[in-house]
Amino acid sequence: MQVKCALCEKICQLDDQSVIAKRLKNRPIHTYLCDSCNKRISERTRARWATGNFALHLPLNGNKKTSRS
């Protein structure tokens, strides 16, 4: 399966039986990041987290979306 990285637009080859490939097939809204982009983002996130200024904003009620009735 060929996939394109959402950040650098590099085309990568995935095994059809891998977990990532199955996730992308079943839920196409998920985005793929190549190994180099994933590593770069995770390193920067860990560095920001280590500073103590990193705030993770989660919904208060535990739901991802709020309904407007």
PDB file of N, CA and C in Angstrom:
ATOM      1  N   MET A   1       0.844  -1.166   0.000  1.00  0.00           N
ATOM      2  CA  MET A   1       0.000   0.000   0.000  1.00  0.00           C
ATOM      3  C   MET A   1       0.894   1.235   0.000  1.00  0.00           C
ATOM      4  N   GLN A   2       0.604   2.167  -0.887  1.00  0.00           N
ATOM      5  CA  GLN A   2       1.351   3.409  -0.933  1.00  0.00           C
ATOM      6  C   GLN A   2       0.599   4.484  -0.162  1.00  0.00           C
ATOM      7  N   VAL A   3       1.335   5.215   0.670  1.00  0.00           N
ATOM      8  CA  VAL A   3       0.754   6.298   1.457  1.00  0.00           C
ATOM      9  C   VAL A   3       1.644   7.529   1.332  1.00  0.00           C
ATOM     10  N   LYS A   4       1.033   8.694   1.531  1.00  0.00           N
ATOM     11  CA  LYS A   4       1.768   9.947   1.448  1.00  0.00           C
ATOM     12  C   LYS A   4       1.790  10.602   2.822  1.00  0.00           C
ATOM     13  N   CYS A   5       2.963  11.058   3.228  1.00  0.00           N
ATOM     14  CA  CYS A   5       3.112  11.742   4.508  1.00  0.00           C
ATOM     15  C   CYS A   5       2.340  13.058   4.453  1.00  0.00           C
ATOM     16  N   ALA A   6       1.627  13.373   5.524  1.00  0.00           N
ATOM     17  CA  ALA A   6       0.807  14.582   5.562  1.00  0.00           C
ATOM     18  C   ALA A   6       1.654  15.848   5.647  1.00  0.00           C
ATOM     19  N   LEU A   7       2.882  15.754   6.135  1.00  0.00           N
ATOM     20  CA  LEU A   7       3.716  16.944   6.292  1.00  0.00           C
ATOM     21  C   LEU A   7       4.684  17.154   5.137  1.00  0.00           C
ATOM     22  N   CYS A   8       5.483  16.159   4.825  1.00  0.00           N
ATOM     23  CA  CYS A   8       6.515  16.337   3.800  1.00  0.00           C
ATOM     24  C   CYS A   8       6.092  15.808   2.432  1.00  0.00           C
ATOM     25  N   GLU A   9       4.957  15.151   2.357  1.00  0.00           N
ATOM     26  CA  GLU A   9       4.383  14.605   1.122  1.00  0.00           C
ATOM     27  C   GLU A   9       5.279  13.573   0.446  1.00  0.00           C
ATOM     28  N   LYS A  10       6.112  12.897   1.245  1.00  0.00           N
ATOM     29  CA  LYS A  10       6.936  11.810   0.731  1.00  0.00           C
ATOM     30  C   LYS A  10       6.062  10.567   0.621  1.00  0.00           C
ATOM     31  N   ILE A  11       6.180   9.824  -0.463  1.00  0.00           N
ATOM     32  CA  ILE A  11       5.393   8.613  -0.666  1.00  0.00           C
ATOM     33  C   ILE A  11       6.168   7.426  -0.098  1.00  0.00           C
ATOM     34  N   CYS A  12       5.498   6.676   0.770  1.00  0.00           N
ATOM     35  CA  CYS A  12       6.106   5.524   1.433  1.00  0.00           C
ATOM     36  C   CYS A  12       5.318   4.265   1.088  1.00  0.00           C
ATOM     37  N   GLN A  13       5.962   3.139   1.241  1.00  0.00           N
ATOM     38  CA  GLN A  13       5.347   1.850   0.989  1.00  0.00           C
ATOM     39  C   GLN A  13       5.089   1.157   2.320  1.00  0.00           C
ATOM     40  N   LEU A  14       3.834   0.739   2.565  1.00  0.00           N
ATOM     41  CA  LEU A  14       3.471   0.012   3.778  1.00  0.00           C
ATOM     42  C   LEU A  14       3.037  -1.398   3.421  1.00  0.00           C
ATOM     43  N   ASP A  15       3.307  -2.324   4.332  1.00  0.00           N
ATOM     44  CA  ASP A  15       2.817  -3.683   4.179  1.00  0.00           C
ATOM     45  C   ASP A  15       1.299  -3.675   4.349  1.00  0.00           C
ATOM     46  N   ASP A  16       0.578  -4.368   3.473  1.00  0.00           N
ATOM     47  CA  ASP A  16      -0.885  -4.369   3.521  1.00  0.00           C
ATOM     48  C   ASP A  16      -1.432  -4.963   4.810  1.00  0.00           C
ATOM     49  N   GLN A  17      -0.673  -5.829   5.473  1.00  0.00           N
ATOM     50  CA  GLN A  17      -1.141  -6.479   6.691  1.00  0.00           C
ATOM     51  C   GLN A  17      -0.717  -5.754   7.967  1.00  0.00           C
ATOM     52  N   SER A  18      -0.024  -4.624   7.839  1.00  0.00           N
ATOM     53  CA  SER A  18       0.422  -3.906   9.037  1.00  0.00           C
ATOM     54  C   SER A  18      -0.750  -3.195   9.708  1.00  0.00           C
ATOM     55  N   VAL A  19      -0.580  -2.897  10.980  1.00  0.00           N
ATOM     56  CA  VAL A  19      -1.633  -2.240  11.756  1.00  0.00           C
ATOM     57  C   VAL A  19      -1.921  -0.849  11.198  1.00  0.00           C
ATOM     58  N   ILE A  20      -0.881  -0.132  10.812  1.00  0.00           N
ATOM     59  CA  ILE A  20      -1.067   1.225  10.287  1.00  0.00           C
ATOM     60  C   ILE A  20      -1.850   1.192   8.981  1.00  0.00           C
ATOM     61  N   ALA A  21      -1.530   0.245   8.100  1.00  0.00           N
ATOM     62  CA  ALA A  21      -2.246   0.144   6.829  1.00  0.00           C
ATOM     63  C   ALA A  21      -3.712  -0.200   7.048  1.00  0.00           C
ATOM     64  N   LYS A  22      -3.985  -1.109   7.968  1.00  0.00           N
ATOM     65  CA  LYS A  22      -5.379  -1.469   8.252  1.00  0.00           C
ATOM     66  C   LYS A  22      -6.137  -0.284   8.831  1.00  0.00           C
ATOM     67  N   ARG A  23      -5.500   0.484   9.697  1.00  0.00           N
ATOM     68  CA  ARG A  23      -6.137   1.656  10.293  1.00  0.00           C
ATOM     69  C   ARG A  23      -6.467   2.691   9.214  1.00  0.00           C
ATOM     70  N   LEU A  24      -5.542   2.894   8.274  1.00  0.00           N
ATOM     71  CA  LEU A  24      -5.782   3.867   7.209  1.00  0.00           C
ATOM     72  C   LEU A  24      -6.876   3.407   6.253  1.00  0.00           C
ATOM     73  N   LYS A  25      -6.968   2.103   6.016  1.00  0.00           N
ATOM     74  CA  LYS A  25      -8.016   1.582   5.130  1.00  0.00           C
ATOM     75  C   LYS A  25      -9.391   1.703   5.766  1.00  0.00           C
ATOM     76  N   ASN A  26      -9.493   1.379   7.046  1.00  0.00           N
ATOM     77  CA  ASN A  26     -10.789   1.383   7.718  1.00  0.00           C
ATOM     78  C   ASN A  26     -11.260   2.780   8.076  1.00  0.00           C
ATOM     79  N   ARG A  27     -10.342   3.667   8.376  1.00  0.00           N
ATOM     80  CA  ARG A  27     -10.698   5.043   8.746  1.00  0.00           C
ATOM     81  C   ARG A  27      -9.827   5.999   7.941  1.00  0.00           C
ATOM     82  N   PRO A  28     -10.246   6.355   6.744  1.00  0.00           N
ATOM     83  CA  PRO A  28      -9.406   7.182   5.875  1.00  0.00           C
ATOM     84  C   PRO A  28      -9.141   8.589   6.408  1.00  0.00           C
ATOM     85  N   ILE A  29      -9.862   9.020   7.433  1.00  0.00           N
ATOM     86  CA  ILE A  29      -9.634  10.351   7.990  1.00  0.00           C
ATOM     87  C   ILE A  29      -8.307  10.416   8.740  1.00  0.00           C
ATOM     88  N   HIS A  30      -7.779   9.267   9.171  1.00  0.00           N
ATOM     89  CA  HIS A  30      -6.495   9.233   9.861  1.00  0.00           C
ATOM     90  C   HIS A  30      -5.396   9.643   8.888  1.00  0.00           C
ATOM     91  N   THR A  31      -4.423  10.368   9.378  1.00  0.00           N
ATOM     92  CA  THR A  31      -3.326  10.809   8.528  1.00  0.00           C
ATOM     93  C   THR A  31      -2.084   9.982   8.820  1.00  0.00           C
ATOM     94  N   TYR A  32      -1.219   9.888   7.840  1.00  0.00           N
ATOM     95  CA  TYR A  32       0.012   9.123   7.965  1.00  0.00           C
ATOM     96  C   TYR A  32       1.182  10.087   8.064  1.00  0.00           C
ATOM     97  N   LEU A  33       2.108   9.812   8.971  1.00  0.00           N
ATOM     98  CA  LEU A  33       3.357  10.550   9.078  1.00  0.00           C
ATOM     99  C   LEU A  33       4.505   9.577   8.851  1.00  0.00           C
ATOM    100  N   CYS A  34       5.452   9.972   8.001  1.00  0.00           N
ATOM    101  CA  CYS A  34       6.611   9.114   7.769  1.00  0.00           C
ATOM    102  C   CYS A  34       7.448   9.061   9.048  1.00  0.00           C
ATOM    103  N   ASP A  35       8.394   8.143   9.084  1.00  0.00           N
ATOM    104  CA  ASP A  35       9.194   7.936  10.296  1.00  0.00           C
ATOM    105  C   ASP A  35       9.984   9.183  10.686  1.00  0.00           C
ATOM    106  N   SER A  36      10.559   9.880   9.696  1.00  0.00           N
ATOM    107  CA  SER A  36      11.365  11.059  10.027  1.00  0.00           C
ATOM    108  C   SER A  36      10.503  12.189  10.582  1.00  0.00           C
ATOM    109  N   CYS A  37       9.320  12.418  10.017  1.00  0.00           N
ATOM    110  CA  CYS A  37       8.425  13.464  10.532  1.00  0.00           C
ATOM    111  C   CYS A  37       7.888  13.089  11.905  1.00  0.00           C
ATOM    112  N   ASN A  38       7.537  11.830  12.088  1.00  0.00           N
ATOM    113  CA  ASN A  38       7.031  11.374  13.379  1.00  0.00           C
ATOM    114  C   ASN A  38       8.097  11.533  14.465  1.00  0.00           C
ATOM    115  N   LYS A  39       9.331  11.190  14.141  1.00  0.00           N
ATOM    116  CA  LYS A  39      10.429  11.320  15.099  1.00  0.00           C
ATOM    117  C   LYS A  39      10.679  12.786  15.434  1.00  0.00           C
ATOM    118  N   ARG A  40      10.665  13.645  14.417  1.00  0.00           N
ATOM    119  CA  ARG A  40      10.907  15.074  14.624  1.00  0.00           C
ATOM    120  C   ARG A  40       9.832  15.690  15.519  1.00  0.00           C
ATOM    121  N   ILE A  41       8.574  15.368  15.265  1.00  0.00           N
ATOM    122  CA  ILE A  41       7.477  15.915  16.057  1.00  0.00           C
ATOM    123  C   ILE A  41       7.523  15.391  17.488  1.00  0.00           C
ATOM    124  N   SER A  42       7.797  14.100  17.656  1.00  0.00           N
ATOM    125  CA  SER A  42       7.830  13.542  19.012  1.00  0.00           C
ATOM    126  C   SER A  42       8.984  14.118  19.824  1.00  0.00           C
ATOM    127  N   GLU A  43      10.144  14.359  19.193  1.00  0.00           N
ATOM    128  CA  GLU A  43      11.269  14.962  19.913  1.00  0.00           C
ATOM    129  C   GLU A  43      10.929  16.374  20.372  1.00  0.00           C
ATOM    130  N   ARG A  44      10.322  17.156  19.496  1.00  0.00           N
ATOM    131  CA  ARG A  44       9.975  18.533  19.859  1.00  0.00           C
ATOM    132  C   ARG A  44       8.884  18.565  20.924  1.00  0.00           C
ATOM    133  N   THR A  45       7.941  17.640  20.849  1.00  0.00           N
ATOM    134  CA  THR A  45       6.881  17.590  21.856  1.00  0.00           C
ATOM    135  C   THR A  45       7.460  17.229  23.214  1.00  0.00           C
ATOM    136  N   ARG A  46       8.360  16.252  23.246  1.00  0.00           N
ATOM    137  CA  ARG A  46       8.995  15.882  24.516  1.00  0.00           C
ATOM    138  C   ARG A  46       9.813  17.036  25.084  1.00  0.00           C
ATOM    139  N   ALA A  47      10.476  17.798  24.213  1.00  0.00           N
ATOM    140  CA  ALA A  47      11.258  18.940  24.679  1.00  0.00           C
ATOM    141  C   ALA A  47      10.345  20.011  25.271  1.00  0.00           C
ATOM    142  N   ARG A  48       9.201  20.279  24.630  1.00  0.00           N
ATOM    143  CA  ARG A  48       8.253  21.253  25.175  1.00  0.00           C
ATOM    144  C   ARG A  48       7.657  20.751  26.481  1.00  0.00           C
ATOM    145  N   TRP A  49       7.383  19.467  26.554  1.00  0.00           N
ATOM    146  CA  TRP A  49       6.811  18.875  27.761  1.00  0.00           C
ATOM    147  C   TRP A  49       7.793  18.990  28.932  1.00  0.00           C
ATOM    148  N   ALA A  50       9.071  18.838  28.646  1.00  0.00           N
ATOM    149  CA  ALA A  50      10.095  18.900  29.690  1.00  0.00           C
ATOM    150  C   ALA A  50      10.252  20.305  30.262  1.00  0.00           C
ATOM    151  N   THR A  51       9.878  21.339  29.517  1.00  0.00           N
ATOM    152  CA  THR A  51      10.003  22.706  30.016  1.00  0.00           C
ATOM    153  C   THR A  51       8.994  23.009  31.107  1.00  0.00           C
ATOM    154  N   GLY A  52       7.900  22.271  31.146  1.00  0.00           N
ATOM    155  CA  GLY A  52       6.863  22.522  32.137  1.00  0.00           C
ATOM    156  C   GLY A  52       5.803  23.494  31.657  1.00  0.00           C
ATOM    157  N   ASN A  53       5.979  24.077  30.478  1.00  0.00           N
ATOM    158  CA  ASN A  53       5.006  25.020  29.930  1.00  0.00           C
ATOM    159  C   ASN A  53       4.020  24.357  28.982  1.00  0.00           C
ATOM    160  N   PHE A  54       4.083  23.064  28.860  1.00  0.00           N
ATOM    161  CA  PHE A  54       3.218  22.325  27.947  1.00  0.00           C
ATOM    162  C   PHE A  54       1.876  22.079  28.618  1.00  0.00           C
ATOM    163  N   ALA A  55       0.807  22.499  27.978  1.00  0.00           N
ATOM    164  CA  ALA A  55      -0.536  22.300  28.531  1.00  0.00           C
ATOM    165  C   ALA A  55      -1.333  21.431  27.569  1.00  0.00           C
ATOM    166  N   LEU A  56      -1.858  20.354  28.074  1.00  0.00           N
ATOM    167  CA  LEU A  56      -2.681  19.457  27.273  1.00  0.00           C
ATOM    168  C   LEU A  56      -4.137  19.820  27.521  1.00  0.00           C
ATOM    169  N   HIS A  57      -4.810  20.325  26.499  1.00  0.00           N
ATOM    170  CA  HIS A  57      -6.184  20.797  26.629  1.00  0.00           C
ATOM    171  C   HIS A  57      -7.149  19.680  26.259  1.00  0.00           C
ATOM    172  N   LEU A  58      -7.800  19.117  27.262  1.00  0.00           N
ATOM    173  CA  LEU A  58      -8.779  18.062  27.056  1.00  0.00           C
ATOM    174  C   LEU A  58     -10.173  18.603  27.342  1.00  0.00           C
ATOM    175  N   PRO A  59     -11.198  18.036  26.718  1.00  0.00           N
ATOM    176  CA  PRO A  59     -12.567  18.468  27.024  1.00  0.00           C
ATOM    177  C   PRO A  59     -12.918  18.168  28.479  1.00  0.00           C
ATOM    178  N   LEU A  60     -13.715  19.023  29.075  1.00  0.00           N
ATOM    179  CA  LEU A  60     -14.067  18.857  30.486  1.00  0.00           C
ATOM    180  C   LEU A  60     -14.973  17.667  30.727  1.00  0.00           C
ATOM    181  N   ASN A  61     -15.918  17.424  29.807  1.00  0.00           N
ATOM    182  CA  ASN A  61     -16.891  16.358  30.023  1.00  0.00           C
ATOM    183  C   ASN A  61     -16.437  15.013  29.468  1.00  0.00           C
ATOM    184  N   GLY A  62     -15.270  14.934  28.876  1.00  0.00           N
ATOM    185  CA  GLY A  62     -14.768  13.671  28.361  1.00  0.00           C
ATOM    186  C   GLY A  62     -15.193  13.366  26.938  1.00  0.00           C
ATOM    187  N   ASN A  63     -16.131  14.133  26.381  1.00  0.00           N
ATOM    188  CA  ASN A  63     -16.559  13.928  24.998  1.00  0.00           C
ATOM    189  C   ASN A  63     -15.680  14.748  24.071  1.00  0.00           C
ATOM    190  N   LYS A  64     -15.467  14.220  22.887  1.00  0.00           N
ATOM    191  CA  LYS A  64     -14.652  14.943  21.925  1.00  0.00           C
ATOM    192  C   LYS A  64     -15.419  16.107  21.311  1.00  0.00           C
ATOM    193  N   LYS A  65     -16.700  15.921  21.067  1.00  0.00           N
ATOM    194  CA  LYS A  65     -17.502  16.960  20.434  1.00  0.00           C
ATOM    195  C   LYS A  65     -18.645  17.337  21.359  1.00  0.00           C
ATOM    196  N   THR A  66     -19.000  18.583  21.312  1.00  0.00           N
ATOM    197  CA  THR A  66     -20.159  19.026  22.078  1.00  0.00           C
ATOM    198  C   THR A  66     -21.302  19.265  21.115  1.00  0.00           C
ATOM    199  N   SER A  67     -22.493  18.908  21.530  1.00  0.00           N
ATOM    200  CA  SER A  67     -23.653  19.098  20.661  1.00  0.00           C
ATOM    201  C   SER A  67     -24.293  20.439  20.966  1.00  0.00           C
ATOM    202  N   ARG A  68     -24.675  21.117  19.919  1.00  0.00           N
ATOM    203  CA  ARG A  68     -25.350  22.408  20.067  1.00  0.00           C
ATOM    204  C   ARG A  68     -26.809  22.218  19.712  1.00  0.00           C
ATOM    205  N   SER A  69     -27.654  22.166  20.714  1.00  0.00           N
ATOM    206  CA  SER A  69     -29.080  21.942  20.483  1.00  0.00           C
ATOM    207  C   SER A  69     -29.853  23.214  20.632  1.00  0.00           C
TER     208      SER A  69
END
